[in-house]
Amino acid sequence: MTLLTTFAFILPVLALSPMTASILVGVGVAGGIGALLMVFSGDKSDLEDRLDVLAGKKAVITEEQKQITREALVKEGLSGLNGIMAKIAERFSSLKLFFIQADSPITVEKFLTICLFSGLGGAILMFVARAPLPFVPLGFALGASGPWAWLILRRGRRFKRFAQQMPDAMELISRALRSGHSLASALKVVVDELPEPISKEFNIAYEEQNLGIPLEAALKNLYYRMPNLDYKFFAMAVSIQRQTGGDLAEVLDKIGKIVRDRFRIMGQVQALTGEGRISGIVLMALPIALFFAVWYLNPDYVMLLFTDEIGRKMIAGAVVLQILGAVAIQKIIQIKV
């Protein structure tokens, strides 16, 4: 009976096209592996007991077992998937720091799960659109990279806002010191007067020193979360002043003035390099846009790049040249101030 069932499943698959059959087999194998991982990641004996209750092979003993439903088993499977993602996240400890720096509202485990499902969604979209077979893994890669792009942009915007708020923060601390506040209470002034993200980060440092952590260590932890060069100057000035003495308010005023002048020069550099940046964007996007346009007009003409050996070598060479061109353009327009 089992053999007949197996042949009944295999025969319709063989009748399909090779591309469709390979995709279905791949999805089936991936689903089977995922199901095995979810089963073995949880408490096996407890899960088997719940399955026996649903199948009627085991009597209901407690009141809790009477309330077991299929939704509870689905929730159990999802918790097992989160456990798998948690184990993967433990192998990449730097990811947690990346999420802290981006102030992500979701955990690393949930984020990896979202990447997995978005990648599967991209692959399914390519399959539904009847794209060529090489585009299916490309759709998975693009779908999985979408959440990463959001996280990187969120982290970059947060770093940029923090850098823009640093001159104001140093002026507030300088004025608070001149009015008689201690350095710790001056940090509290920044927390109360300035918006996020600098208020949140300084509040963490303020609470750490209240709990007994030395101020230098608290400021060092802040730099670990926000690796900003201007803040590094501030933390070094505070550390030197606490060891040797001096007028910290005057030092902060000078650092703030230097930072503002640097921002002004950076604005001028951005204006002067605007043409180069736009040219780089156009040159990088033009081959990709032209490829999709020709593929839409004449798919058979473009598919030679994937089916022919010389075409695949041309694609590899084009990708390498695109990357080298992007690096060269970035080096030309990037001027450090």
C-alpha atoms as a PDB file:
ATOM      1  CA  MET A   1       0.000   0.000   0.000  1.00  0.00           C
ATOM      2  CA  THR A   2       2.838   2.345   0.827  1.00  0.00           C
ATOM      3  CA  LEU A   3       4.531   1.540  -2.490  1.00  0.00           C
ATOM      4  CA  LEU A   4       1.346   2.321  -4.424  1.00  0.00           C
ATOM      5  CA  THR A   5       0.992   5.627  -2.580  1.00  0.00           C
ATOM      6  CA  THR A   6       4.592   6.545  -3.450  1.00  0.00           C
ATOM      7  CA  PHE A   7       4.035   5.807  -7.152  1.00  0.00           C
ATOM      8  CA  ALA A   8       0.793   7.824  -7.071  1.00  0.00           C
ATOM      9  CA  PHE A   9       2.805  10.826  -5.825  1.00  0.00           C
ATOM     10  CA  ILE A  10       5.754  10.392  -8.211  1.00  0.00           C
ATOM     11  CA  LEU A  11       3.830   9.894 -11.462  1.00  0.00           C
ATOM     12  CA  PRO A  12       2.173  13.369 -11.537  1.00  0.00           C
ATOM     13  CA  VAL A  13       5.566  14.949 -10.783  1.00  0.00           C
ATOM     14  CA  LEU A  14       7.192  13.142 -13.695  1.00  0.00           C
ATOM     15  CA  ALA A  15       4.446  14.392 -16.018  1.00  0.00           C
ATOM     16  CA  LEU A  16       5.372  18.013 -15.255  1.00  0.00           C
ATOM     17  CA  SER A  17       8.074  20.016 -16.945  1.00  0.00           C
ATOM     18  CA  PRO A  18      11.632  19.580 -15.576  1.00  0.00           C
ATOM     19  CA  MET A  19      11.704  23.104 -14.121  1.00  0.00           C
ATOM     20  CA  THR A  20       8.354  22.692 -12.295  1.00  0.00           C
ATOM     21  CA  ALA A  21       9.261  19.238 -11.065  1.00  0.00           C
ATOM     22  CA  SER A  22      12.624  20.371  -9.723  1.00  0.00           C
ATOM     23  CA  ILE A  23      11.026  23.295  -7.883  1.00  0.00           C
ATOM     24  CA  LEU A  24       8.328  21.069  -6.336  1.00  0.00           C
ATOM     25  CA  VAL A  25      10.896  18.484  -5.254  1.00  0.00           C
ATOM     26  CA  GLY A  26      13.110  21.200  -3.792  1.00  0.00           C
ATOM     27  CA  VAL A  27      10.215  22.739  -1.842  1.00  0.00           C
ATOM     28  CA  GLY A  28       9.201  19.281  -0.603  1.00  0.00           C
ATOM     29  CA  VAL A  29      12.709  18.417   0.578  1.00  0.00           C
ATOM     30  CA  ALA A  30      13.105  21.807   2.283  1.00  0.00           C
ATOM     31  CA  GLY A  31       9.734  21.399   3.985  1.00  0.00           C
ATOM     32  CA  GLY A  32      10.636  17.910   5.156  1.00  0.00           C
ATOM     33  CA  ILE A  33      13.953  19.085   6.591  1.00  0.00           C
ATOM     34  CA  GLY A  34      12.240  22.011   8.300  1.00  0.00           C
ATOM     35  CA  ALA A  35       9.603  19.714   9.808  1.00  0.00           C
ATOM     36  CA  LEU A  36      12.274  17.352  11.139  1.00  0.00           C
ATOM     37  CA  LEU A  37      14.209  20.244  12.658  1.00  0.00           C
ATOM     38  CA  MET A  38      11.088  21.629  14.318  1.00  0.00           C
ATOM     39  CA  VAL A  39      10.229  18.231  15.766  1.00  0.00           C
ATOM     40  CA  PHE A  40      13.718  17.479  17.086  1.00  0.00           C
ATOM     41  CA  SER A  41      14.256  21.019  18.432  1.00  0.00           C
ATOM     42  CA  GLY A  42      11.386  20.806  20.905  1.00  0.00           C
ATOM     43  CA  ASP A  43      10.511  18.431  23.740  1.00  0.00           C
ATOM     44  CA  LYS A  44       9.917  15.176  21.874  1.00  0.00           C
ATOM     45  CA  SER A  45       8.097  13.271  24.593  1.00  0.00           C
ATOM     46  CA  ASP A  46       5.694  16.121  25.296  1.00  0.00           C
ATOM     47  CA  LEU A  47       4.937  16.575  21.596  1.00  0.00           C
ATOM     48  CA  GLU A  48       4.308  12.855  21.120  1.00  0.00           C
ATOM     49  CA  ASP A  49       1.944  12.839  24.080  1.00  0.00           C
ATOM     50  CA  ARG A  50      -0.073  15.682  22.567  1.00  0.00           C
ATOM     51  CA  LEU A  51      -0.234  13.911  19.181  1.00  0.00           C
ATOM     52  CA  ASP A  52      -1.440  10.722  20.889  1.00  0.00           C
ATOM     53  CA  VAL A  53      -4.196  12.690  22.612  1.00  0.00           C
ATOM     54  CA  LEU A  54      -5.374  14.139  19.300  1.00  0.00           C
ATOM     55  CA  ALA A  55      -5.257  10.724  17.595  1.00  0.00           C
ATOM     56  CA  GLY A  56      -7.213   9.072  20.415  1.00  0.00           C
ATOM     57  CA  LYS A  57      -4.423   6.655  21.290  1.00  0.00           C
ATOM     58  CA  LYS A  58      -4.013   8.054  24.771  1.00  0.00           C
ATOM     59  CA  ALA A  59      -6.555   8.909  27.413  1.00  0.00           C
ATOM     60  CA  VAL A  60      -6.965  12.484  28.586  1.00  0.00           C
ATOM     61  CA  ILE A  61      -5.467  12.628  32.046  1.00  0.00           C
ATOM     62  CA  THR A  62      -5.435  16.281  33.104  1.00  0.00           C
ATOM     63  CA  GLU A  63      -7.631  19.261  32.400  1.00  0.00           C
ATOM     64  CA  GLU A  64      -4.813  20.899  30.456  1.00  0.00           C
ATOM     65  CA  GLN A  65      -4.642  17.984  28.022  1.00  0.00           C
ATOM     66  CA  LYS A  66      -8.389  18.310  27.354  1.00  0.00           C
ATOM     67  CA  GLN A  67      -7.831  21.804  25.977  1.00  0.00           C
ATOM     68  CA  ILE A  68      -5.119  20.799  23.465  1.00  0.00           C
ATOM     69  CA  THR A  69      -6.051  21.874  19.940  1.00  0.00           C
ATOM     70  CA  ARG A  70      -4.415  21.860  16.558  1.00  0.00           C
ATOM     71  CA  GLU A  71      -3.651  25.567  17.011  1.00  0.00           C
ATOM     72  CA  ALA A  72      -1.541  24.655  20.038  1.00  0.00           C
ATOM     73  CA  LEU A  73       0.486  22.230  17.938  1.00  0.00           C
ATOM     74  CA  VAL A  74       1.021  24.868  15.274  1.00  0.00           C
ATOM     75  CA  LYS A  75       2.225  27.237  17.996  1.00  0.00           C
ATOM     76  CA  GLU A  76       4.567  24.509  19.232  1.00  0.00           C
ATOM     77  CA  GLY A  77       6.020  24.168  15.748  1.00  0.00           C
ATOM     78  CA  LEU A  78       6.551  27.901  15.437  1.00  0.00           C
ATOM     79  CA  SER A  79       8.316  27.987  18.792  1.00  0.00           C
ATOM     80  CA  GLY A  80      10.603  25.236  17.531  1.00  0.00           C
ATOM     81  CA  LEU A  81      11.382  27.333  14.443  1.00  0.00           C
ATOM     82  CA  ASN A  82      12.237  30.281  16.687  1.00  0.00           C
ATOM     83  CA  GLY A  83      14.551  27.986  18.638  1.00  0.00           C
ATOM     84  CA  ILE A  84      16.365  27.076  15.426  1.00  0.00           C
ATOM     85  CA  MET A  85      16.760  30.743  14.529  1.00  0.00           C
ATOM     86  CA  ALA A  86      18.022  31.449  18.060  1.00  0.00           C
ATOM     87  CA  LYS A  87      20.738  28.812  17.653  1.00  0.00           C
ATOM     88  CA  ILE A  88      21.730  30.341  14.312  1.00  0.00           C
ATOM     89  CA  ALA A  89      21.817  33.814  15.885  1.00  0.00           C
ATOM     90  CA  GLU A  90      24.124  32.570  18.661  1.00  0.00           C
ATOM     91  CA  ARG A  91      26.749  31.720  16.046  1.00  0.00           C
ATOM     92  CA  PHE A  92      26.781  35.317  14.867  1.00  0.00           C
ATOM     93  CA  SER A  93      27.313  37.297  18.066  1.00  0.00           C
ATOM     94  CA  SER A  94      28.102  40.471  16.133  1.00  0.00           C
ATOM     95  CA  LEU A  95      24.516  40.448  14.821  1.00  0.00           C
ATOM     96  CA  LYS A  96      23.221  41.408  18.266  1.00  0.00           C
ATOM     97  CA  LEU A  97      25.477  44.457  18.342  1.00  0.00           C
ATOM     98  CA  PHE A  98      24.269  45.347  14.838  1.00  0.00           C
ATOM     99  CA  PHE A  99      20.657  45.163  16.033  1.00  0.00           C
ATOM    100  CA  ILE A 100      21.460  47.239  19.119  1.00  0.00           C
ATOM    101  CA  GLN A 101      23.090  49.907  16.983  1.00  0.00           C
ATOM    102  CA  ALA A 102      20.055  49.980  14.687  1.00  0.00           C
ATOM    103  CA  ASP A 103      17.664  50.030  17.688  1.00  0.00           C
ATOM    104  CA  SER A 104      15.684  47.274  15.990  1.00  0.00           C
ATOM    105  CA  PRO A 105      12.155  46.733  17.339  1.00  0.00           C
ATOM    106  CA  ILE A 106      12.400  42.983  16.593  1.00  0.00           C
ATOM    107  CA  THR A 107      14.758  40.345  17.904  1.00  0.00           C
ATOM    108  CA  VAL A 108      17.484  38.604  15.905  1.00  0.00           C
ATOM    109  CA  GLU A 109      15.565  35.318  15.858  1.00  0.00           C
ATOM    110  CA  LYS A 110      12.379  36.872  14.493  1.00  0.00           C
ATOM    111  CA  PHE A 111      14.383  38.870  11.967  1.00  0.00           C
ATOM    112  CA  LEU A 112      16.055  35.737  10.579  1.00  0.00           C
ATOM    113  CA  THR A 113      12.642  34.082  10.341  1.00  0.00           C
ATOM    114  CA  ILE A 114      11.313  37.097   8.427  1.00  0.00           C
ATOM    115  CA  CYS A 115      14.297  36.898   6.054  1.00  0.00           C
ATOM    116  CA  LEU A 116      13.581  33.218   5.415  1.00  0.00           C
ATOM    117  CA  PHE A 117       9.908  33.749   4.622  1.00  0.00           C
ATOM    118  CA  SER A 118      10.534  36.865   2.528  1.00  0.00           C
ATOM    119  CA  GLY A 119      13.118  34.909   0.532  1.00  0.00           C
ATOM    120  CA  LEU A 120      10.602  32.124  -0.068  1.00  0.00           C
ATOM    121  CA  GLY A 121       8.072  34.768  -1.086  1.00  0.00           C
ATOM    122  CA  GLY A 122      10.500  36.193  -3.644  1.00  0.00           C
ATOM    123  CA  ALA A 123      11.172  32.723  -5.086  1.00  0.00           C
ATOM    124  CA  ILE A 124       7.447  31.973  -5.309  1.00  0.00           C
ATOM    125  CA  LEU A 125       6.854  35.326  -7.007  1.00  0.00           C
ATOM    126  CA  MET A 126       9.465  34.491  -9.647  1.00  0.00           C
ATOM    127  CA  PHE A 127       7.850  31.093 -10.157  1.00  0.00           C
ATOM    128  CA  VAL A 128       4.356  32.571 -10.497  1.00  0.00           C
ATOM    129  CA  ALA A 129       5.662  35.154 -12.964  1.00  0.00           C
ATOM    130  CA  ARG A 130       7.025  32.254 -15.088  1.00  0.00           C
ATOM    131  CA  ALA A 131      10.534  33.635 -14.911  1.00  0.00           C
ATOM    132  CA  PRO A 132      13.423  31.452 -16.142  1.00  0.00           C
ATOM    133  CA  LEU A 133      14.787  28.917 -13.680  1.00  0.00           C
ATOM    134  CA  PRO A 134      17.997  30.909 -12.868  1.00  0.00           C
ATOM    135  CA  PHE A 135      15.797  33.775 -11.656  1.00  0.00           C
ATOM    136  CA  VAL A 136      14.169  31.662  -8.903  1.00  0.00           C
ATOM    137  CA  PRO A 137      17.245  31.644  -6.593  1.00  0.00           C
ATOM    138  CA  LEU A 138      17.759  35.281  -7.563  1.00  0.00           C
ATOM    139  CA  GLY A 139      14.234  36.021  -6.338  1.00  0.00           C
ATOM    140  CA  PHE A 140      14.999  34.211  -3.083  1.00  0.00           C
ATOM    141  CA  ALA A 141      18.186  36.248  -2.620  1.00  0.00           C
ATOM    142  CA  LEU A 142      16.407  39.538  -3.351  1.00  0.00           C
ATOM    143  CA  GLY A 143      13.530  38.683  -1.022  1.00  0.00           C
ATOM    144  CA  ALA A 144      15.851  37.645   1.806  1.00  0.00           C
ATOM    145  CA  SER A 145      17.989  40.774   1.368  1.00  0.00           C
ATOM    146  CA  GLY A 146      14.995  43.105   1.695  1.00  0.00           C
ATOM    147  CA  PRO A 147      14.868  43.001   5.537  1.00  0.00           C
ATOM    148  CA  TRP A 148      18.653  43.416   5.650  1.00  0.00           C
ATOM    149  CA  ALA A 149      18.433  46.526   3.492  1.00  0.00           C
ATOM    150  CA  TRP A 150      15.813  47.956   5.862  1.00  0.00           C
ATOM    151  CA  LEU A 151      17.997  47.202   8.892  1.00  0.00           C
ATOM    152  CA  ILE A 152      21.135  48.705   7.317  1.00  0.00           C
ATOM    153  CA  LEU A 153      19.263  51.871   6.325  1.00  0.00           C
ATOM    154  CA  ARG A 154      17.774  52.150   9.821  1.00  0.00           C
ATOM    155  CA  ARG A 155      21.232  51.808  11.390  1.00  0.00           C
ATOM    156  CA  GLY A 156      22.740  54.352   8.994  1.00  0.00           C
ATOM    157  CA  ARG A 157      19.994  56.924   9.649  1.00  0.00           C
ATOM    158  CA  ARG A 158      20.457  56.486  13.382  1.00  0.00           C
ATOM    159  CA  PHE A 159      24.215  57.024  13.135  1.00  0.00           C
ATOM    160  CA  LYS A 160      23.646  60.112  10.993  1.00  0.00           C
ATOM    161  CA  ARG A 161      21.170  61.661  13.453  1.00  0.00           C
ATOM    162  CA  PHE A 162      23.514  60.931  16.351  1.00  0.00           C
ATOM    163  CA  ALA A 163      26.403  62.654  14.553  1.00  0.00           C
ATOM    164  CA  GLN A 164      24.237  65.693  13.787  1.00  0.00           C
ATOM    165  CA  GLN A 165      23.191  65.981  17.444  1.00  0.00           C
ATOM    166  CA  MET A 166      26.697  65.737  18.897  1.00  0.00           C
ATOM    167  CA  PRO A 167      27.587  69.494  18.587  1.00  0.00           C
ATOM    168  CA  ASP A 168      24.380  70.456  20.401  1.00  0.00           C
ATOM    169  CA  ALA A 169      25.033  67.855  23.079  1.00  0.00           C
ATOM    170  CA  MET A 170      28.565  69.120  23.738  1.00  0.00           C
ATOM    171  CA  GLU A 171      27.321  72.723  23.952  1.00  0.00           C
ATOM    172  CA  LEU A 172      24.621  71.685  26.447  1.00  0.00           C
ATOM    173  CA  ILE A 173      27.172  69.823  28.583  1.00  0.00           C
ATOM    174  CA  SER A 174      29.545  72.797  28.428  1.00  0.00           C
ATOM    175  CA  ARG A 175      26.845  75.224  29.562  1.00  0.00           C
ATOM    176  CA  ALA A 176      25.703  72.864  32.316  1.00  0.00           C
ATOM    177  CA  LEU A 177      29.269  72.564  33.624  1.00  0.00           C
ATOM    178  CA  ARG A 178      29.668  76.359  33.653  1.00  0.00           C
ATOM    179  CA  SER A 179      26.431  76.730  35.604  1.00  0.00           C
ATOM    180  CA  GLY A 180      27.724  74.450  38.362  1.00  0.00           C
ATOM    181  CA  HIS A 181      26.389  71.021  37.392  1.00  0.00           C
ATOM    182  CA  SER A 182      28.479  67.907  37.720  1.00  0.00           C
ATOM    183  CA  LEU A 183      29.324  65.901  34.631  1.00  0.00           C
ATOM    184  CA  ALA A 184      26.748  63.239  35.490  1.00  0.00           C
ATOM    185  CA  SER A 185      23.967  65.814  35.875  1.00  0.00           C
ATOM    186  CA  ALA A 186      25.150  67.450  32.625  1.00  0.00           C
ATOM    187  CA  LEU A 187      24.542  64.134  30.892  1.00  0.00           C
ATOM    188  CA  LYS A 188      21.035  64.189  32.357  1.00  0.00           C
ATOM    189  CA  VAL A 189      20.484  67.615  30.777  1.00  0.00           C
ATOM    190  CA  VAL A 190      21.248  66.098  27.368  1.00  0.00           C
ATOM    191  CA  VAL A 191      18.767  63.306  28.087  1.00  0.00           C
ATOM    192  CA  ASP A 192      16.026  65.797  28.983  1.00  0.00           C
ATOM    193  CA  GLU A 193      16.615  68.400  26.260  1.00  0.00           C
ATOM    194  CA  LEU A 194      17.585  66.519  23.094  1.00  0.00           C
ATOM    195  CA  PRO A 195      15.549  64.004  21.079  1.00  0.00           C
ATOM    196  CA  GLU A 196      16.479  60.449  20.177  1.00  0.00           C
ATOM    197  CA  PRO A 197      18.802  58.761  19.449  1.00  0.00           C
ATOM    198  CA  ILE A 198      21.319  60.760  21.485  1.00  0.00           C
ATOM    199  CA  SER A 199      18.974  61.145  24.451  1.00  0.00           C
ATOM    200  CA  LYS A 200      18.398  57.389  24.624  1.00  0.00           C
ATOM    201  CA  GLU A 201      22.095  56.538  24.421  1.00  0.00           C
ATOM    202  CA  PHE A 202      23.133  59.163  26.997  1.00  0.00           C
ATOM    203  CA  ASN A 203      20.323  57.988  29.264  1.00  0.00           C
ATOM    204  CA  ILE A 204      21.763  54.466  29.187  1.00  0.00           C
ATOM    205  CA  ALA A 205      25.193  55.839  30.124  1.00  0.00           C
ATOM    206  CA  TYR A 206      23.636  57.989  32.878  1.00  0.00           C
ATOM    207  CA  GLU A 207      21.764  55.013  34.364  1.00  0.00           C
ATOM    208  CA  GLU A 208      24.884  52.836  34.203  1.00  0.00           C
ATOM    209  CA  GLN A 209      26.945  55.300  36.227  1.00  0.00           C
ATOM    210  CA  ASN A 210      24.061  55.625  38.691  1.00  0.00           C
ATOM    211  CA  LEU A 211      24.218  51.864  39.210  1.00  0.00           C
ATOM    212  CA  GLY A 212      27.901  52.059  40.141  1.00  0.00           C
ATOM    213  CA  ILE A 213      29.679  51.610  36.821  1.00  0.00           C
ATOM    214  CA  PRO A 214      32.561  54.107  36.443  1.00  0.00           C
ATOM    215  CA  LEU A 215      31.717  57.023  34.183  1.00  0.00           C
ATOM    216  CA  GLU A 216      34.615  56.244  31.835  1.00  0.00           C
ATOM    217  CA  ALA A 217      33.327  52.674  31.413  1.00  0.00           C
ATOM    218  CA  ALA A 218      29.782  53.916  30.777  1.00  0.00           C
ATOM    219  CA  LEU A 219      31.032  56.322  28.104  1.00  0.00           C
ATOM    220  CA  LYS A 220      33.109  53.533  26.574  1.00  0.00           C
ATOM    221  CA  ASN A 221      30.007  51.324  26.390  1.00  0.00           C
ATOM    222  CA  LEU A 222      28.194  54.153  24.629  1.00  0.00           C
ATOM    223  CA  TYR A 223      30.970  54.321  22.027  1.00  0.00           C
ATOM    224  CA  TYR A 224      30.617  50.562  21.603  1.00  0.00           C
ATOM    225  CA  ARG A 225      26.960  51.128  20.659  1.00  0.00           C
ATOM    226  CA  MET A 226      27.590  54.336  18.678  1.00  0.00           C
ATOM    227  CA  PRO A 227      31.038  54.285  17.014  1.00  0.00           C
ATOM    228  CA  ASN A 228      31.113  57.997  16.191  1.00  0.00           C
ATOM    229  CA  LEU A 229      34.424  59.854  15.813  1.00  0.00           C
ATOM    230  CA  ASP A 230      33.143  63.097  17.366  1.00  0.00           C
ATOM    231  CA  TYR A 231      31.821  61.219  20.377  1.00  0.00           C
ATOM    232  CA  LYS A 232      35.199  59.499  20.687  1.00  0.00           C
ATOM    233  CA  PHE A 233      36.835  62.930  21.025  1.00  0.00           C
ATOM    234  CA  PHE A 234      34.295  63.803  23.722  1.00  0.00           C
ATOM    235  CA  ALA A 235      34.892  60.574  25.673  1.00  0.00           C
ATOM    236  CA  MET A 236      38.675  61.026  25.467  1.00  0.00           C
ATOM    237  CA  ALA A 237      38.391  64.639  26.686  1.00  0.00           C
ATOM    238  CA  VAL A 238      36.270  63.528  29.655  1.00  0.00           C
ATOM    239  CA  SER A 239      38.703  60.727  30.530  1.00  0.00           C
ATOM    240  CA  ILE A 240      41.758  63.024  30.354  1.00  0.00           C
ATOM    241  CA  GLN A 241      40.052  65.774  32.370  1.00  0.00           C
ATOM    242  CA  ARG A 242      39.090  63.360  35.152  1.00  0.00           C
ATOM    243  CA  GLN A 243      42.695  62.135  35.384  1.00  0.00           C
ATOM    244  CA  THR A 244      44.646  65.373  34.984  1.00  0.00           C
ATOM    245  CA  GLY A 245      42.109  68.150  35.567  1.00  0.00           C
ATOM    246  CA  GLY A 246      41.445  71.196  33.408  1.00  0.00           C
ATOM    247  CA  ASP A 247      38.564  73.209  32.002  1.00  0.00           C
ATOM    248  CA  LEU A 248      36.347  70.600  30.371  1.00  0.00           C
ATOM    249  CA  ALA A 249      33.765  73.179  29.295  1.00  0.00           C
ATOM    250  CA  GLU A 250      36.310  75.059  27.171  1.00  0.00           C
ATOM    251  CA  VAL A 251      37.526  71.821  25.585  1.00  0.00           C
ATOM    252  CA  LEU A 252      33.967  70.837  24.686  1.00  0.00           C
ATOM    253  CA  ASP A 253      33.310  74.261  23.152  1.00  0.00           C
ATOM    254  CA  LYS A 254      36.348  73.892  20.901  1.00  0.00           C
ATOM    255  CA  ILE A 255      35.397  70.350  19.909  1.00  0.00           C
ATOM    256  CA  GLY A 256      31.858  71.484  19.120  1.00  0.00           C
ATOM    257  CA  LYS A 257      33.156  74.312  16.922  1.00  0.00           C
ATOM    258  CA  ILE A 258      35.450  71.937  15.046  1.00  0.00           C
ATOM    259  CA  VAL A 259      32.584  69.508  14.472  1.00  0.00           C
ATOM    260  CA  ARG A 260      30.317  72.254  13.133  1.00  0.00           C
ATOM    261  CA  ASP A 261      33.040  73.459  10.757  1.00  0.00           C
ATOM    262  CA  ARG A 262      33.549  69.913   9.557  1.00  0.00           C
ATOM    263  CA  PHE A 263      29.834  69.521   8.866  1.00  0.00           C
ATOM    264  CA  ARG A 264      29.901  72.752   6.873  1.00  0.00           C
ATOM    265  CA  ILE A 265      32.826  71.518   4.752  1.00  0.00           C
ATOM    266  CA  MET A 266      31.108  68.163   4.282  1.00  0.00           C
ATOM    267  CA  GLY A 267      28.049  69.961   2.926  1.00  0.00           C
ATOM    268  CA  GLN A 268      30.213  71.768   0.392  1.00  0.00           C
ATOM    269  CA  VAL A 269      31.858  68.483  -0.605  1.00  0.00           C
ATOM    270  CA  GLN A 270      28.440  66.862  -1.082  1.00  0.00           C
ATOM    271  CA  ALA A 271      27.382  69.723  -3.347  1.00  0.00           C
ATOM    272  CA  LEU A 272      30.556  69.530  -5.435  1.00  0.00           C
ATOM    273  CA  THR A 273      30.430  65.741  -5.818  1.00  0.00           C
ATOM    274  CA  GLY A 274      26.704  65.588  -6.608  1.00  0.00           C
ATOM    275  CA  GLU A 275      27.295  65.224 -10.349  1.00  0.00           C
ATOM    276  CA  GLY A 276      29.724  62.343  -9.807  1.00  0.00           C
ATOM    277  CA  ARG A 277      27.336  60.528  -7.489  1.00  0.00           C
ATOM    278  CA  ILE A 278      24.441  60.825  -9.950  1.00  0.00           C
ATOM    279  CA  SER A 279      26.701  59.637 -12.776  1.00  0.00           C
ATOM    280  CA  GLY A 280      27.698  56.622 -10.707  1.00  0.00           C
ATOM    281  CA  ILE A 281      24.069  55.728  -9.993  1.00  0.00           C
ATOM    282  CA  VAL A 282      23.131  56.002 -13.683  1.00  0.00           C
ATOM    283  CA  LEU A 283      26.129  53.956 -14.841  1.00  0.00           C
ATOM    284  CA  MET A 284      25.413  51.223 -12.289  1.00  0.00           C
ATOM    285  CA  ALA A 285      21.671  51.036 -12.977  1.00  0.00           C
ATOM    286  CA  LEU A 286      21.803  51.291 -16.784  1.00  0.00           C
ATOM    287  CA  PRO A 287      23.110  47.738 -17.546  1.00  0.00           C
ATOM    288  CA  ILE A 288      20.604  46.159 -15.149  1.00  0.00           C
ATOM    289  CA  ALA A 289      17.666  48.171 -16.533  1.00  0.00           C
ATOM    290  CA  LEU A 290      18.735  47.402 -20.116  1.00  0.00           C
ATOM    291  CA  PHE A 291      18.971  43.682 -19.311  1.00  0.00           C
ATOM    292  CA  PHE A 292      15.401  43.536 -17.974  1.00  0.00           C
ATOM    293  CA  ALA A 293      14.097  45.625 -20.871  1.00  0.00           C
ATOM    294  CA  VAL A 294      15.614  43.274 -23.473  1.00  0.00           C
ATOM    295  CA  TRP A 295      14.421  40.250 -21.487  1.00  0.00           C
ATOM    296  CA  TYR A 296      10.861  41.646 -21.553  1.00  0.00           C
ATOM    297  CA  LEU A 297      11.020  42.298 -25.318  1.00  0.00           C
ATOM    298  CA  ASN A 298      12.893  39.164 -26.415  1.00  0.00           C
ATOM    299  CA  PRO A 299      13.396  36.544 -23.664  1.00  0.00           C
ATOM    300  CA  ASP A 300      15.009  33.973 -25.995  1.00  0.00           C
ATOM    301  CA  TYR A 301      17.735  36.430 -26.941  1.00  0.00           C
ATOM    302  CA  VAL A 302      18.662  37.039 -23.294  1.00  0.00           C
ATOM    303  CA  MET A 303      18.467  33.382 -22.257  1.00  0.00           C
ATOM    304  CA  LEU A 304      21.552  32.637 -24.354  1.00  0.00           C
ATOM    305  CA  LEU A 305      23.544  34.287 -21.581  1.00  0.00           C
ATOM    306  CA  PHE A 306      22.401  31.513 -19.215  1.00  0.00           C
ATOM    307  CA  THR A 307      22.302  28.501 -21.528  1.00  0.00           C
ATOM    308  CA  ASP A 308      25.570  29.072 -23.388  1.00  0.00           C
ATOM    309  CA  GLU A 309      28.964  28.642 -21.693  1.00  0.00           C
ATOM    310  CA  ILE A 310      30.345  31.871 -23.178  1.00  0.00           C
ATOM    311  CA  GLY A 311      27.223  33.710 -22.023  1.00  0.00           C
ATOM    312  CA  ARG A 312      27.719  32.590 -18.431  1.00  0.00           C
ATOM    313  CA  LYS A 313      31.326  33.756 -18.565  1.00  0.00           C
ATOM    314  CA  MET A 314      30.142  37.105 -19.914  1.00  0.00           C
ATOM    315  CA  ILE A 315      27.676  37.458 -17.020  1.00  0.00           C
ATOM    316  CA  ALA A 316      30.400  36.686 -14.474  1.00  0.00           C
ATOM    317  CA  GLY A 317      32.726  39.204 -16.118  1.00  0.00           C
ATOM    318  CA  ALA A 318      29.976  41.847 -16.193  1.00  0.00           C
ATOM    319  CA  VAL A 319      29.270  41.374 -12.482  1.00  0.00           C
ATOM    320  CA  VAL A 320      32.963  41.699 -11.609  1.00  0.00           C
ATOM    321  CA  LEU A 321      33.340  44.817 -13.764  1.00  0.00           C
ATOM    322  CA  GLN A 322      30.212  46.347 -12.198  1.00  0.00           C
ATOM    323  CA  ILE A 323      31.635  45.829  -8.716  1.00  0.00           C
ATOM    324  CA  LEU A 324      35.024  47.265  -9.711  1.00  0.00           C
ATOM    325  CA  GLY A 325      33.320  50.265 -11.316  1.00  0.00           C
ATOM    326  CA  ALA A 326      31.224  50.891  -8.203  1.00  0.00           C
ATOM    327  CA  VAL A 327      34.327  50.756  -5.993  1.00  0.00           C
ATOM    328  CA  ALA A 328      36.249  53.104  -8.307  1.00  0.00           C
ATOM    329  CA  ILE A 329      33.410  55.649  -8.436  1.00  0.00           C
ATOM    330  CA  GLN A 330      33.012  55.471  -4.649  1.00  0.00           C
ATOM    331  CA  LYS A 331      36.721  56.152  -4.172  1.00  0.00           C
ATOM    332  CA  ILE A 332      36.546  59.166  -6.497  1.00  0.00           C
ATOM    333  CA  ILE A 333      33.533  60.867  -4.881  1.00  0.00           C
ATOM    334  CA  GLN A 334      34.318  59.949  -1.259  1.00  0.00           C
ATOM    335  CA  ILE A 335      36.373  62.713   0.306  1.00  0.00           C
ATOM    336  CA  LYS A 336      37.154  62.399   4.011  1.00  0.00           C
ATOM    337  CA  VAL A 337      36.897  65.601   6.034  1.00  0.00           C
END
